[in-house]
Amino acid sequence: MNYSQALNTLQEKGYYIGTFDDFWQDDNGIAKEEWDWAVTVFRNSMKNVDELYSYRHNFTDQNTFVFLNDPDYRGPIPTDEEKLQEVPYPRRNHRKEFIELVKNSGRPQMRTTQQWGRLDLSKGDYESHYKMNDIFNAIIRNFSVRLYPYLNEVKDKFMLATQYSLYVKDDFADIHHDGINPGRACAIIIYLSDPQTYNDDGGRLVISKEHIDHVHNWEDRYLQFPDSYDFVKPVYGNYAVLDFTKHNVGHAIEIVKNNFKRLAIQTFVGP
């Protein structure tokens, strides 16, 4: 990997797609055995999803609930839990049922914008989870410094906001923008799902090549303009970087299908 060329691509296009070989071409202070151990810890978390994960399920009107002021609305009044963006994982079906009740009670425009599971590092084997997090963060930190040389001045201090996500059947993220933010360098998404479990099961990262994309249903636009998007297959060995210093790239996650379990690390990197 040529870091200068990768940075030029990021600054020109707003995103870069690579493979794990990029992480290992230079000494990053982490042994491959440590990496393999951390991958195993993350994958094993799927065995106790209800205990270890929260479920992020956002929907339109979540922050305003203006539909409650509509005199024709006859649907459920949201409880404190139903106002939350994140609920306990076992409550994910309840959230989906709530959305359907609202839609069928005079709010048909209500839509879900994203739904996926997030590993809570404080649950389960606390020591293993945080050791895993330290290993991944060390690799991401060293890689980020090589990609954005100015970060070397604050190498041990710049922010890493790392999350561990699990997308299963029907989970997705609508197309959205995180915003140009010079105080934040980029987002790095690393995929850890076993490639042998993937058979065109959705879950790809969708990246808009256009700098402005307000289309919620990107699939319709893709049918009209198939060259407007790039895709990243969500399996072990692939990663992507989205630049925030100069770009505001629209991106989404396809709906996951069948029994595929999409495991990914996403990290916001910045001073």
C-alpha atoms as a PDB file:
ATOM      1  CA  MET A   1       0.000   0.000   0.000  1.00  0.00           C
ATOM      2  CA  ASN A   2       1.232   3.481  -0.867  1.00  0.00           C
ATOM      3  CA  TYR A   3      -0.049   5.709   1.941  1.00  0.00           C
ATOM      4  CA  SER A   4       0.392   8.910  -0.070  1.00  0.00           C
ATOM      5  CA  GLN A   5      -1.656   7.513  -2.924  1.00  0.00           C
ATOM      6  CA  ALA A   6      -4.313   6.282  -0.490  1.00  0.00           C
ATOM      7  CA  LEU A   7      -4.508   9.737   1.109  1.00  0.00           C
ATOM      8  CA  ASN A   8      -4.776  11.349  -2.321  1.00  0.00           C
ATOM      9  CA  THR A   9      -7.639   9.000  -3.134  1.00  0.00           C
ATOM     10  CA  LEU A  10      -9.344   9.877   0.137  1.00  0.00           C
ATOM     11  CA  GLN A  11      -8.994  13.594  -0.500  1.00  0.00           C
ATOM     12  CA  GLU A  12     -10.148  13.271  -4.099  1.00  0.00           C
ATOM     13  CA  LYS A  13     -13.025  10.804  -3.758  1.00  0.00           C
ATOM     14  CA  GLY A  14     -13.807  10.954  -0.054  1.00  0.00           C
ATOM     15  CA  TYR A  15     -13.307   7.229   0.530  1.00  0.00           C
ATOM     16  CA  TYR A  16     -10.782   4.425   0.178  1.00  0.00           C
ATOM     17  CA  ILE A  17     -11.355   0.657  -0.007  1.00  0.00           C
ATOM     18  CA  GLY A  18      -8.585  -1.782   0.938  1.00  0.00           C
ATOM     19  CA  THR A  19      -7.655  -5.191   2.333  1.00  0.00           C
ATOM     20  CA  PHE A  20      -6.061  -6.316   5.592  1.00  0.00           C
ATOM     21  CA  ASP A  21      -2.668  -6.648   3.923  1.00  0.00           C
ATOM     22  CA  ASP A  22      -2.434  -2.887   4.401  1.00  0.00           C
ATOM     23  CA  PHE A  23      -2.408  -3.325   8.192  1.00  0.00           C
ATOM     24  CA  TRP A  24       0.530  -5.708   8.149  1.00  0.00           C
ATOM     25  CA  GLN A  25       2.917  -4.224   5.594  1.00  0.00           C
ATOM     26  CA  ASP A  26       4.594  -2.249   8.409  1.00  0.00           C
ATOM     27  CA  ASP A  27       5.229  -3.070  12.044  1.00  0.00           C
ATOM     28  CA  ASN A  28       2.190  -1.915  13.976  1.00  0.00           C
ATOM     29  CA  GLY A  29       3.291  -3.172  17.376  1.00  0.00           C
ATOM     30  CA  ILE A  30       0.746  -6.000  17.441  1.00  0.00           C
ATOM     31  CA  ALA A  31       1.534  -9.642  16.737  1.00  0.00           C
ATOM     32  CA  LYS A  32      -0.659 -11.480  14.259  1.00  0.00           C
ATOM     33  CA  GLU A  33      -1.481 -13.983  17.010  1.00  0.00           C
ATOM     34  CA  GLU A  34      -2.927 -11.164  19.123  1.00  0.00           C
ATOM     35  CA  TRP A  35      -5.046 -10.012  16.197  1.00  0.00           C
ATOM     36  CA  ASP A  36      -6.362 -13.554  15.642  1.00  0.00           C
ATOM     37  CA  TRP A  37      -7.207 -13.847  19.336  1.00  0.00           C
ATOM     38  CA  ALA A  38      -9.122 -10.549  19.259  1.00  0.00           C
ATOM     39  CA  VAL A  39     -11.063 -11.625  16.158  1.00  0.00           C
ATOM     40  CA  THR A  40     -12.051 -14.839  17.938  1.00  0.00           C
ATOM     41  CA  VAL A  41     -13.262 -12.930  21.014  1.00  0.00           C
ATOM     42  CA  PHE A  42     -15.448 -10.701  18.861  1.00  0.00           C
ATOM     43  CA  ARG A  43     -16.863 -13.612  16.877  1.00  0.00           C
ATOM     44  CA  ASN A  44     -17.606 -15.542  20.070  1.00  0.00           C
ATOM     45  CA  SER A  45     -19.727 -12.663  21.334  1.00  0.00           C
ATOM     46  CA  MET A  46     -22.425 -13.795  18.889  1.00  0.00           C
ATOM     47  CA  LYS A  47     -23.067 -16.804  21.111  1.00  0.00           C
ATOM     48  CA  ASN A  48     -24.594 -14.541  23.802  1.00  0.00           C
ATOM     49  CA  VAL A  49     -26.196 -11.774  21.774  1.00  0.00           C
ATOM     50  CA  ASP A  50     -29.155 -11.155  24.104  1.00  0.00           C
ATOM     51  CA  GLU A  51     -26.827 -10.691  27.073  1.00  0.00           C
ATOM     52  CA  LEU A  52     -23.914  -8.837  25.466  1.00  0.00           C
ATOM     53  CA  TYR A  53     -25.560  -6.585  22.872  1.00  0.00           C
ATOM     54  CA  SER A  54     -27.841  -3.582  22.758  1.00  0.00           C
ATOM     55  CA  TYR A  55     -30.082  -2.943  19.760  1.00  0.00           C
ATOM     56  CA  ARG A  56     -29.930   0.413  18.014  1.00  0.00           C
ATOM     57  CA  HIS A  57     -33.216   1.042  16.264  1.00  0.00           C
ATOM     58  CA  ASN A  58     -33.768   4.596  15.083  1.00  0.00           C
ATOM     59  CA  PHE A  59     -36.924   5.838  13.418  1.00  0.00           C
ATOM     60  CA  THR A  60     -38.197   9.103  12.003  1.00  0.00           C
ATOM     61  CA  ASP A  61     -39.990  11.373  14.506  1.00  0.00           C
ATOM     62  CA  GLN A  62     -37.993   9.805  17.318  1.00  0.00           C
ATOM     63  CA  ASN A  63     -36.776  13.163  18.611  1.00  0.00           C
ATOM     64  CA  THR A  64     -39.975  15.179  18.092  1.00  0.00           C
ATOM     65  CA  PHE A  65     -42.950  12.770  18.273  1.00  0.00           C
ATOM     66  CA  VAL A  66     -45.001  15.411  16.452  1.00  0.00           C
ATOM     67  CA  PHE A  67     -47.472  12.725  15.386  1.00  0.00           C
ATOM     68  CA  LEU A  68     -48.800  12.688  18.953  1.00  0.00           C
ATOM     69  CA  ASN A  69     -50.264  16.150  18.308  1.00  0.00           C
ATOM     70  CA  ASP A  70     -52.196  14.945  15.266  1.00  0.00           C
ATOM     71  CA  PRO A  71     -55.892  14.814  16.267  1.00  0.00           C
ATOM     72  CA  ASP A  72     -56.439  11.889  13.883  1.00  0.00           C
ATOM     73  CA  TYR A  73     -53.693   9.768  15.395  1.00  0.00           C
ATOM     74  CA  ARG A  74     -55.084   6.728  17.220  1.00  0.00           C
ATOM     75  CA  GLY A  75     -51.897   4.765  17.763  1.00  0.00           C
ATOM     76  CA  PRO A  76     -49.866   3.864  20.843  1.00  0.00           C
ATOM     77  CA  ILE A  77     -48.356   6.510  23.092  1.00  0.00           C
ATOM     78  CA  PRO A  78     -44.616   5.802  23.270  1.00  0.00           C
ATOM     79  CA  THR A  79     -43.254   4.622  26.582  1.00  0.00           C
ATOM     80  CA  ASP A  80     -39.894   5.817  27.900  1.00  0.00           C
ATOM     81  CA  GLU A  81     -38.293   2.764  26.294  1.00  0.00           C
ATOM     82  CA  GLU A  82     -39.948   3.433  22.939  1.00  0.00           C
ATOM     83  CA  LYS A  83     -38.414   6.903  22.912  1.00  0.00           C
ATOM     84  CA  LEU A  84     -34.898   5.514  23.169  1.00  0.00           C
ATOM     85  CA  GLN A  85     -32.599   5.117  20.189  1.00  0.00           C
ATOM     86  CA  GLU A  86     -31.080   2.002  21.752  1.00  0.00           C
ATOM     87  CA  VAL A  87     -32.932  -0.772  23.574  1.00  0.00           C
ATOM     88  CA  PRO A  88     -31.923  -4.103  25.161  1.00  0.00           C
ATOM     89  CA  TYR A  89     -31.307  -6.648  22.410  1.00  0.00           C
ATOM     90  CA  PRO A  90     -34.156  -8.965  23.486  1.00  0.00           C
ATOM     91  CA  ARG A  91     -36.540  -6.014  22.978  1.00  0.00           C
ATOM     92  CA  ARG A  92     -35.744  -5.585  19.278  1.00  0.00           C
ATOM     93  CA  ASN A  93     -38.951  -7.287  18.107  1.00  0.00           C
ATOM     94  CA  HIS A  94     -41.006  -5.136  20.442  1.00  0.00           C
ATOM     95  CA  ARG A  95     -39.523  -2.021  18.818  1.00  0.00           C
ATOM     96  CA  LYS A  96     -40.399  -3.317  15.354  1.00  0.00           C
ATOM     97  CA  GLU A  97     -43.956  -4.055  16.467  1.00  0.00           C
ATOM     98  CA  PHE A  98     -44.267  -0.535  17.900  1.00  0.00           C
ATOM     99  CA  ILE A  99     -43.234   0.998  14.554  1.00  0.00           C
ATOM    100  CA  GLU A 100     -45.809  -1.078  12.696  1.00  0.00           C
ATOM    101  CA  LEU A 101     -48.551  -0.038  15.114  1.00  0.00           C
ATOM    102  CA  VAL A 102     -47.697   3.630  14.608  1.00  0.00           C
ATOM    103  CA  LYS A 103     -47.618   3.242  10.816  1.00  0.00           C
ATOM    104  CA  ASN A 104     -51.020   1.540  10.829  1.00  0.00           C
ATOM    105  CA  SER A 105     -52.545   4.169  13.116  1.00  0.00           C
ATOM    106  CA  GLY A 106     -52.346   7.229  10.903  1.00  0.00           C
ATOM    107  CA  ARG A 107     -48.573   7.631  10.464  1.00  0.00           C
ATOM    108  CA  PRO A 108     -47.776   5.628   7.311  1.00  0.00           C
ATOM    109  CA  GLN A 109     -44.717   7.796   6.597  1.00  0.00           C
ATOM    110  CA  MET A 110     -43.004   6.520   9.738  1.00  0.00           C
ATOM    111  CA  ARG A 111     -39.895   4.608   8.706  1.00  0.00           C
ATOM    112  CA  THR A 112     -36.952   2.990  10.376  1.00  0.00           C
ATOM    113  CA  THR A 113     -33.620   4.630   9.523  1.00  0.00           C
ATOM    114  CA  GLN A 114     -31.264   2.041  10.990  1.00  0.00           C
ATOM    115  CA  GLN A 115     -31.266  -1.072  13.120  1.00  0.00           C
ATOM    116  CA  TRP A 116     -28.310  -3.136  14.286  1.00  0.00           C
ATOM    117  CA  GLY A 117     -26.712  -4.690  17.360  1.00  0.00           C
ATOM    118  CA  ARG A 118     -23.894  -3.076  19.347  1.00  0.00           C
ATOM    119  CA  LEU A 119     -21.562  -5.049  21.612  1.00  0.00           C
ATOM    120  CA  ASP A 120     -21.398  -3.621  25.128  1.00  0.00           C
ATOM    121  CA  LEU A 121     -17.783  -4.112  26.190  1.00  0.00           C
ATOM    122  CA  SER A 122     -18.698  -3.811  29.869  1.00  0.00           C
ATOM    123  CA  LYS A 123     -20.814  -6.981  29.739  1.00  0.00           C
ATOM    124  CA  GLY A 124     -19.696 -10.602  29.776  1.00  0.00           C
ATOM    125  CA  ASP A 125     -15.972 -11.244  30.003  1.00  0.00           C
ATOM    126  CA  TYR A 126     -14.988  -7.661  30.802  1.00  0.00           C
ATOM    127  CA  GLU A 127     -11.232  -8.315  30.800  1.00  0.00           C
ATOM    128  CA  SER A 128     -11.242 -10.081  27.411  1.00  0.00           C
ATOM    129  CA  HIS A 129     -13.459  -7.467  25.794  1.00  0.00           C
ATOM    130  CA  TYR A 130     -11.235  -4.579  26.799  1.00  0.00           C
ATOM    131  CA  LYS A 131      -8.068  -6.430  25.854  1.00  0.00           C
ATOM    132  CA  MET A 132      -9.661  -7.083  22.451  1.00  0.00           C
ATOM    133  CA  ASN A 133     -10.523  -3.393  22.168  1.00  0.00           C
ATOM    134  CA  ASP A 134      -6.937  -2.391  23.041  1.00  0.00           C
ATOM    135  CA  ILE A 135      -5.541  -4.663  20.316  1.00  0.00           C
ATOM    136  CA  PHE A 136      -7.842  -3.360  17.595  1.00  0.00           C
ATOM    137  CA  ASN A 137      -7.349   0.248  18.667  1.00  0.00           C
ATOM    138  CA  ALA A 138      -3.551  -0.110  18.573  1.00  0.00           C
ATOM    139  CA  ILE A 139      -3.699  -1.327  14.983  1.00  0.00           C
ATOM    140  CA  ILE A 140      -6.178   1.374  13.973  1.00  0.00           C
ATOM    141  CA  ARG A 141      -4.127   4.093  15.676  1.00  0.00           C
ATOM    142  CA  ASN A 142      -0.886   3.115  13.931  1.00  0.00           C
ATOM    143  CA  PHE A 143      -2.622   2.756  10.582  1.00  0.00           C
ATOM    144  CA  SER A 144      -4.350   6.138  10.963  1.00  0.00           C
ATOM    145  CA  VAL A 145      -1.028   7.892  11.638  1.00  0.00           C
ATOM    146  CA  ARG A 146       0.450   6.486   8.431  1.00  0.00           C
ATOM    147  CA  LEU A 147      -2.635   7.438   6.454  1.00  0.00           C
ATOM    148  CA  TYR A 148      -2.949  10.956   7.961  1.00  0.00           C
ATOM    149  CA  PRO A 149       0.638  12.000   8.831  1.00  0.00           C
ATOM    150  CA  TYR A 150      -0.461  15.100  10.766  1.00  0.00           C
ATOM    151  CA  LEU A 151      -1.956  12.800  13.403  1.00  0.00           C
ATOM    152  CA  ASN A 152       1.576  11.719  14.322  1.00  0.00           C
ATOM    153  CA  GLU A 153       1.885  14.926  16.353  1.00  0.00           C
ATOM    154  CA  VAL A 154      -0.828  13.612  18.680  1.00  0.00           C
ATOM    155  CA  LYS A 155      -0.274   9.903  18.082  1.00  0.00           C
ATOM    156  CA  ASP A 156      -1.006   8.774  21.626  1.00  0.00           C
ATOM    157  CA  LYS A 157      -3.795  11.266  22.258  1.00  0.00           C
ATOM    158  CA  PHE A 158      -6.134  11.553  19.280  1.00  0.00           C
ATOM    159  CA  MET A 159      -9.634  10.207  19.687  1.00  0.00           C
ATOM    160  CA  LEU A 160     -10.708   6.722  18.732  1.00  0.00           C
ATOM    161  CA  ALA A 161     -14.429   6.070  19.118  1.00  0.00           C
ATOM    162  CA  THR A 162     -14.678   2.361  18.346  1.00  0.00           C
ATOM    163  CA  GLN A 163     -17.875   0.317  18.182  1.00  0.00           C
ATOM    164  CA  TYR A 164     -18.469  -3.361  17.489  1.00  0.00           C
ATOM    165  CA  SER A 165     -21.556  -4.075  15.426  1.00  0.00           C
ATOM    166  CA  LEU A 166     -23.627  -7.100  14.512  1.00  0.00           C
ATOM    167  CA  TYR A 167     -26.157  -6.943  11.680  1.00  0.00           C
ATOM    168  CA  VAL A 168     -28.465  -9.927  11.225  1.00  0.00           C
ATOM    169  CA  LYS A 169     -31.484 -10.589   8.990  1.00  0.00           C
ATOM    170  CA  ASP A 170     -33.438  -7.381   8.186  1.00  0.00           C
ATOM    171  CA  ASP A 171     -30.859  -5.088   9.829  1.00  0.00           C
ATOM    172  CA  PHE A 172     -29.618  -2.140   7.784  1.00  0.00           C
ATOM    173  CA  ALA A 173     -28.665   1.547   7.835  1.00  0.00           C
ATOM    174  CA  ASP A 174     -30.398   4.052   5.554  1.00  0.00           C
ATOM    175  CA  ILE A 175     -28.218   6.312   3.450  1.00  0.00           C
ATOM    176  CA  HIS A 176     -26.909   9.164   5.585  1.00  0.00           C
ATOM    177  CA  HIS A 177     -24.111  11.721   5.963  1.00  0.00           C
ATOM    178  CA  ASP A 178     -21.867  12.180   8.979  1.00  0.00           C
ATOM    179  CA  GLY A 179     -20.842  15.684   7.892  1.00  0.00           C
ATOM    180  CA  ILE A 180     -17.582  17.422   7.025  1.00  0.00           C
ATOM    181  CA  ASN A 181     -15.707  17.688  10.291  1.00  0.00           C
ATOM    182  CA  PRO A 182     -12.049  18.800  10.186  1.00  0.00           C
ATOM    183  CA  GLY A 183     -11.823  17.925  13.878  1.00  0.00           C
ATOM    184  CA  ARG A 184     -12.373  14.306  12.925  1.00  0.00           C
ATOM    185  CA  ALA A 185     -10.148  12.702  10.317  1.00  0.00           C
ATOM    186  CA  CYS A 186     -12.147   9.722   9.133  1.00  0.00           C
ATOM    187  CA  ALA A 187     -14.197   6.646   9.877  1.00  0.00           C
ATOM    188  CA  ILE A 188     -12.603   3.230   9.427  1.00  0.00           C
ATOM    189  CA  ILE A 189     -14.846   0.190   8.939  1.00  0.00           C
ATOM    190  CA  ILE A 190     -13.251  -3.254   9.318  1.00  0.00           C
ATOM    191  CA  TYR A 191     -15.135  -6.439   8.426  1.00  0.00           C
ATOM    192  CA  LEU A 192     -14.616  -9.664  10.372  1.00  0.00           C
ATOM    193  CA  SER A 193     -17.359 -12.045   9.166  1.00  0.00           C
ATOM    194  CA  ASP A 194     -16.257 -15.444   7.889  1.00  0.00           C
ATOM    195  CA  PRO A 195     -16.312 -15.261   4.039  1.00  0.00           C
ATOM    196  CA  GLN A 196     -17.541 -18.856   3.863  1.00  0.00           C
ATOM    197  CA  THR A 197     -20.802 -17.804   5.522  1.00  0.00           C
ATOM    198  CA  TYR A 198     -21.563 -15.147   2.886  1.00  0.00           C
ATOM    199  CA  ASN A 199     -23.538 -15.877  -0.286  1.00  0.00           C
ATOM    200  CA  ASP A 200     -24.839 -12.576  -1.673  1.00  0.00           C
ATOM    201  CA  ASP A 201     -26.600 -11.970   1.635  1.00  0.00           C
ATOM    202  CA  GLY A 202     -26.713  -8.172   1.499  1.00  0.00           C
ATOM    203  CA  GLY A 203     -25.043  -6.153   4.239  1.00  0.00           C
ATOM    204  CA  ARG A 204     -22.608  -4.438   1.877  1.00  0.00           C
ATOM    205  CA  LEU A 205     -21.369  -0.952   2.640  1.00  0.00           C
ATOM    206  CA  VAL A 206     -22.878   1.336  -0.004  1.00  0.00           C
ATOM    207  CA  ILE A 207     -20.846   4.458  -0.794  1.00  0.00           C
ATOM    208  CA  SER A 208     -22.260   7.259  -2.909  1.00  0.00           C
ATOM    209  CA  LYS A 209     -19.759   8.607  -5.441  1.00  0.00           C
ATOM    210  CA  GLU A 210     -21.703  11.869  -5.421  1.00  0.00           C
ATOM    211  CA  HIS A 211     -20.990  14.401  -2.713  1.00  0.00           C
ATOM    212  CA  ILE A 212     -24.674  15.168  -2.205  1.00  0.00           C
ATOM    213  CA  ASP A 213     -27.232  12.393  -2.001  1.00  0.00           C
ATOM    214  CA  HIS A 214     -30.516  13.044  -0.223  1.00  0.00           C
ATOM    215  CA  VAL A 215     -32.239   9.955  -1.600  1.00  0.00           C
ATOM    216  CA  HIS A 216     -33.396   7.773   1.285  1.00  0.00           C
ATOM    217  CA  ASN A 217     -34.231   4.845  -0.978  1.00  0.00           C
ATOM    218  CA  TRP A 218     -30.840   4.504  -2.625  1.00  0.00           C
ATOM    219  CA  GLU A 219     -31.894   1.263  -4.337  1.00  0.00           C
ATOM    220  CA  ASP A 220     -34.233   3.164  -6.677  1.00  0.00           C
ATOM    221  CA  ARG A 221     -31.477   5.571  -7.592  1.00  0.00           C
ATOM    222  CA  TYR A 222     -29.058   2.700  -8.128  1.00  0.00           C
ATOM    223  CA  LEU A 223     -31.406   1.189 -10.720  1.00  0.00           C
ATOM    224  CA  GLN A 224     -31.331   4.494 -12.606  1.00  0.00           C
ATOM    225  CA  PHE A 225     -27.659   5.306 -12.064  1.00  0.00           C
ATOM    226  CA  PRO A 226     -25.765   2.051 -11.351  1.00  0.00           C
ATOM    227  CA  ASP A 227     -22.397   3.805 -11.601  1.00  0.00           C
ATOM    228  CA  SER A 228     -23.245   6.210  -8.776  1.00  0.00           C
ATOM    229  CA  TYR A 229     -22.252   3.824  -5.987  1.00  0.00           C
ATOM    230  CA  ASP A 230     -19.359   1.693  -4.809  1.00  0.00           C
ATOM    231  CA  PHE A 231     -19.861  -1.387  -2.643  1.00  0.00           C
ATOM    232  CA  VAL A 232     -17.721  -3.138  -0.043  1.00  0.00           C
ATOM    233  CA  LYS A 233     -18.345  -6.829   0.574  1.00  0.00           C
ATOM    234  CA  PRO A 234     -18.773  -7.275   4.364  1.00  0.00           C
ATOM    235  CA  VAL A 235     -16.378 -10.171   4.956  1.00  0.00           C
ATOM    236  CA  TYR A 236     -13.043 -10.743   6.670  1.00  0.00           C
ATOM    237  CA  GLY A 237     -10.184  -9.118   4.783  1.00  0.00           C
ATOM    238  CA  ASN A 238     -11.986  -5.981   3.610  1.00  0.00           C
ATOM    239  CA  TYR A 239     -12.056  -2.486   5.090  1.00  0.00           C
ATOM    240  CA  ALA A 240     -13.057   1.015   4.050  1.00  0.00           C
ATOM    241  CA  VAL A 241     -12.150   4.549   5.090  1.00  0.00           C
ATOM    242  CA  LEU A 242     -14.506   7.533   4.827  1.00  0.00           C
ATOM    243  CA  ASP A 243     -12.838  10.954   4.951  1.00  0.00           C
ATOM    244  CA  PHE A 244     -14.358  13.762   7.043  1.00  0.00           C
ATOM    245  CA  THR A 245     -11.740  16.467   6.575  1.00  0.00           C
ATOM    246  CA  LYS A 246     -12.956  17.488   3.120  1.00  0.00           C
ATOM    247  CA  HIS A 247     -15.908  15.275   2.284  1.00  0.00           C
ATOM    248  CA  ASN A 248     -19.414  14.343   3.353  1.00  0.00           C
ATOM    249  CA  VAL A 249     -19.907  11.067   1.547  1.00  0.00           C
ATOM    250  CA  GLY A 250     -23.347   9.489   1.635  1.00  0.00           C
ATOM    251  CA  HIS A 251     -23.231   5.879   2.776  1.00  0.00           C
ATOM    252  CA  ALA A 252     -25.607   3.105   3.757  1.00  0.00           C
ATOM    253  CA  ILE A 253     -25.677  -0.572   4.682  1.00  0.00           C
ATOM    254  CA  GLU A 254     -27.771  -2.935   2.621  1.00  0.00           C
ATOM    255  CA  ILE A 255     -30.449  -4.972   4.348  1.00  0.00           C
ATOM    256  CA  VAL A 256     -28.938  -8.232   5.583  1.00  0.00           C
ATOM    257  CA  LYS A 257     -30.608 -11.353   4.243  1.00  0.00           C
ATOM    258  CA  ASN A 258     -30.840 -15.011   5.195  1.00  0.00           C
ATOM    259  CA  ASN A 259     -28.680 -16.262   8.080  1.00  0.00           C
ATOM    260  CA  PHE A 260     -25.613 -14.117   7.458  1.00  0.00           C
ATOM    261  CA  LYS A 261     -24.164 -12.365  10.510  1.00  0.00           C
ATOM    262  CA  ARG A 262     -22.358  -9.164   9.581  1.00  0.00           C
ATOM    263  CA  LEU A 263     -19.611  -8.434  12.108  1.00  0.00           C
ATOM    264  CA  ALA A 264     -17.770  -5.127  11.785  1.00  0.00           C
ATOM    265  CA  ILE A 265     -15.663  -2.654  13.701  1.00  0.00           C
ATOM    266  CA  GLN A 266     -16.339   1.005  13.010  1.00  0.00           C
ATOM    267  CA  THR A 267     -14.061   3.670  14.425  1.00  0.00           C
ATOM    268  CA  PHE A 268     -14.246   7.444  14.253  1.00  0.00           C
ATOM    269  CA  VAL A 269     -10.706   8.825  14.172  1.00  0.00           C
ATOM    270  CA  GLY A 270      -9.767  12.372  15.062  1.00  0.00           C
ATOM    271  CA  PRO A 271      -7.785  14.733  17.274  1.00  0.00           C
END
